[in-house]
Protein backbone atom coordinates (compact mmCIF):
# COMPACT_ATOMS: atom_id res chain seq x y z
CA MET A 1 153.52 -33.70 -199.32
CA ASP A 2 153.03 -30.42 -197.49
CA ASP A 3 155.66 -28.18 -199.06
CA THR A 4 154.87 -25.06 -197.08
CA LEU A 5 156.75 -23.77 -194.09
CA THR A 6 154.91 -22.22 -191.20
CA VAL A 7 157.68 -19.65 -190.72
CA HIS A 8 160.24 -18.03 -192.99
CA ALA A 9 163.16 -20.26 -192.24
CA HIS A 10 166.83 -19.55 -192.41
CA LEU A 11 169.10 -20.07 -189.48
CA THR A 12 172.79 -20.05 -188.76
CA GLY A 13 174.86 -21.83 -186.19
CA ALA A 14 177.92 -23.91 -185.45
CA VAL A 15 178.24 -27.63 -186.15
CA VAL A 16 178.65 -29.48 -182.85
CA ARG A 17 179.03 -33.10 -181.82
CA GLY A 18 175.82 -35.05 -181.29
CA ALA A 19 175.14 -38.54 -180.00
CA GLY A 20 176.79 -40.09 -183.08
CA ARG A 21 173.75 -42.25 -183.74
CA GLY A 22 173.36 -41.11 -187.37
CA HIS A 23 176.54 -42.86 -188.48
CA GLY A 24 175.24 -46.19 -187.23
CA LEU A 25 171.93 -45.65 -189.02
CA GLY A 26 173.63 -44.82 -192.33
CA PHE A 27 172.66 -41.15 -192.14
CA PRO A 28 175.48 -39.20 -190.48
CA THR A 29 174.23 -35.77 -189.52
CA ALA A 30 175.74 -32.42 -188.75
CA ASN A 31 174.22 -31.21 -185.49
CA VAL A 32 173.72 -27.47 -185.61
CA ALA A 33 173.66 -25.34 -182.47
CA ALA A 34 171.47 -22.46 -183.63
CA ASP A 35 172.78 -18.98 -182.92
CA PRO A 36 171.11 -17.21 -180.00
CA GLY A 37 167.99 -15.44 -181.18
CA SER A 38 167.65 -17.67 -184.25
CA ARG A 39 164.11 -18.63 -185.06
CA VAL A 40 164.12 -22.42 -185.23
CA PRO A 41 161.20 -23.81 -187.26
CA PRO A 42 158.75 -26.20 -185.59
CA SER A 43 159.70 -29.86 -185.16
CA ALA A 44 159.47 -31.64 -188.52
CA ILE A 45 161.58 -33.02 -191.36
CA TYR A 46 162.56 -30.42 -193.97
CA SER A 47 164.33 -30.16 -197.29
CA GLY A 48 166.97 -27.46 -197.51
CA TRP A 49 170.36 -26.16 -198.48
CA VAL A 50 173.42 -26.10 -196.21
CA VAL A 51 175.93 -23.30 -196.81
CA ARG A 52 179.34 -23.71 -195.19
CA HIS A 53 180.41 -20.20 -194.22
CA SER A 54 184.16 -20.87 -194.29
CA THR A 55 184.19 -22.16 -197.87
CA GLY A 56 180.89 -21.06 -199.39
CA VAL A 57 180.28 -24.66 -200.45
CA VAL A 58 176.58 -25.56 -200.64
CA HIS A 59 175.21 -29.04 -199.91
CA GLN A 60 171.78 -30.59 -200.40
CA GLY A 61 170.26 -31.46 -197.06
CA THR A 62 167.45 -33.19 -195.27
CA ILE A 63 166.96 -31.43 -191.96
CA SER A 64 165.45 -32.94 -188.83
CA ILE A 65 164.21 -30.70 -186.06
CA GLY A 66 162.97 -32.48 -182.98
CA SER A 67 163.73 -34.43 -179.85
CA ASN A 68 164.65 -37.81 -181.40
CA PRO A 69 161.39 -39.44 -180.26
CA THR A 70 162.29 -42.90 -181.58
CA PHE A 71 165.09 -43.13 -179.03
CA CYS A 72 163.32 -41.28 -176.18
CA ASP A 73 166.62 -40.12 -174.75
CA THR A 74 165.93 -36.40 -174.48
CA THR A 75 163.26 -33.75 -174.59
CA ASP A 76 165.71 -31.20 -175.97
CA VAL A 77 165.04 -30.08 -179.54
CA HIS A 78 167.94 -30.76 -181.90
CA VAL A 79 168.66 -29.38 -185.37
CA GLU A 80 170.36 -32.08 -187.44
CA VAL A 81 171.11 -32.10 -191.16
CA TYR A 82 172.01 -35.02 -193.38
CA CYS A 83 174.04 -33.74 -196.33
CA HIS A 84 173.18 -35.81 -199.40
CA ASP A 85 176.32 -35.03 -201.33
CA THR A 86 179.19 -35.22 -198.85
CA SER A 87 180.44 -37.35 -195.99
CA ASP A 88 182.74 -34.58 -194.75
CA GLU A 89 182.76 -33.85 -191.06
CA PHE A 90 182.74 -30.14 -190.37
CA TYR A 91 182.69 -29.85 -186.61
CA GLY A 92 183.18 -26.29 -185.41
CA GLU A 93 182.28 -24.76 -188.78
CA ARG A 94 179.54 -22.20 -189.07
CA VAL A 95 176.72 -23.05 -191.44
CA GLY A 96 173.57 -21.48 -192.78
CA LEU A 97 170.48 -23.63 -193.25
CA TRP A 98 168.07 -22.45 -195.93
CA PHE A 99 164.78 -24.31 -195.62
CA VAL A 100 162.87 -25.07 -198.82
CA ALA A 101 159.95 -27.25 -197.76
CA ARG A 102 158.49 -29.23 -194.90
CA ILE A 103 158.45 -32.93 -195.78
CA ARG A 104 156.63 -34.50 -192.83
CA ASP A 105 156.08 -34.44 -189.09
CA THR A 106 158.68 -35.75 -186.68
CA VAL A 107 157.30 -39.02 -185.33
CA LYS A 108 158.29 -41.88 -183.06
CA PHE A 109 159.00 -45.05 -185.05
CA ALA A 110 158.50 -48.57 -183.73
CA SER A 111 162.12 -49.49 -184.51
CA PRO A 112 165.37 -48.06 -185.86
CA ASP A 113 164.74 -50.03 -189.08
CA ASP A 114 161.43 -48.21 -189.56
CA LEU A 115 163.24 -44.92 -189.01
CA ILE A 116 165.87 -45.86 -191.61
CA ARG A 117 163.20 -46.69 -194.19
CA ALA A 118 161.47 -43.36 -193.54
CA ALA A 119 164.78 -41.48 -193.75
CA GLN A 120 165.48 -43.07 -197.13
CA GLN A 121 162.12 -41.80 -198.39
CA ASP A 122 162.74 -38.39 -196.82
CA VAL A 123 166.00 -38.03 -198.75
CA LEU A 124 164.31 -38.95 -202.03
CA ARG A 125 161.56 -36.39 -201.40
CA SER A 126 164.12 -33.80 -200.37
CA GLU A 127 166.15 -34.33 -203.54
CA ALA A 128 163.02 -33.84 -205.66
CA VAL A 129 162.12 -30.64 -203.81
CA LEU A 130 165.65 -29.24 -204.12
CA ALA A 131 165.64 -29.95 -207.87
CA SER A 132 162.33 -28.11 -208.29
CA ASP A 133 161.88 -24.48 -209.31
CA ARG A 134 161.18 -23.62 -205.68
CA GLY A 135 164.38 -25.35 -204.56
CA ARG A 136 166.42 -23.46 -207.16
CA ARG A 137 164.85 -20.13 -206.11
CA VAL A 138 165.81 -20.70 -202.48
CA LEU A 139 169.31 -21.74 -203.56
CA THR A 140 169.65 -18.56 -205.62
CA GLY A 141 168.57 -16.48 -202.61
CA ALA A 142 171.03 -18.29 -200.35
CA LEU A 143 173.89 -17.76 -202.77
CA ASP A 144 172.94 -14.11 -203.31
CA ALA A 145 173.25 -13.62 -199.56
CA TYR A 146 176.85 -14.84 -199.81
CA GLY A 147 177.65 -13.00 -203.05
CA LYS A 148 177.78 -16.17 -205.16
CA THR A 149 175.87 -17.34 -208.23
CA VAL A 150 174.18 -20.58 -209.23
CA SER A 151 176.01 -22.61 -211.85
CA ASN A 152 173.92 -24.89 -214.06
């Protein structure tokens, strides 16, 4: 697994409605409209932390940046995050995404079932990365930015 990012990655934005496809695949995502001027990392699947600005609550996330090539319905790049530890919908909320590691390239799968299997593996990899020393360091930095501390 390539656990390096090609850019320092932290971005903020508002959660907006997407196509709704994630629910049907078993991976509901929060679609994030990056703030103007935000530096969006290159298309890939990432492990990261999601900080909800209104509450300060932090969620584990697997973040997809890309154009949804399996479905070929757009060339627009989307930022979508699957929160491992909540099924809350937080449309309209502002969030911060703190990227920990790049998991893999964004690719076109032969079928939605192949995509689901890959997403399941992505989440497992993401959880391992977030539990690592590196994941904890990024979490500490994210919380410091919001004046919070990590509880063990």
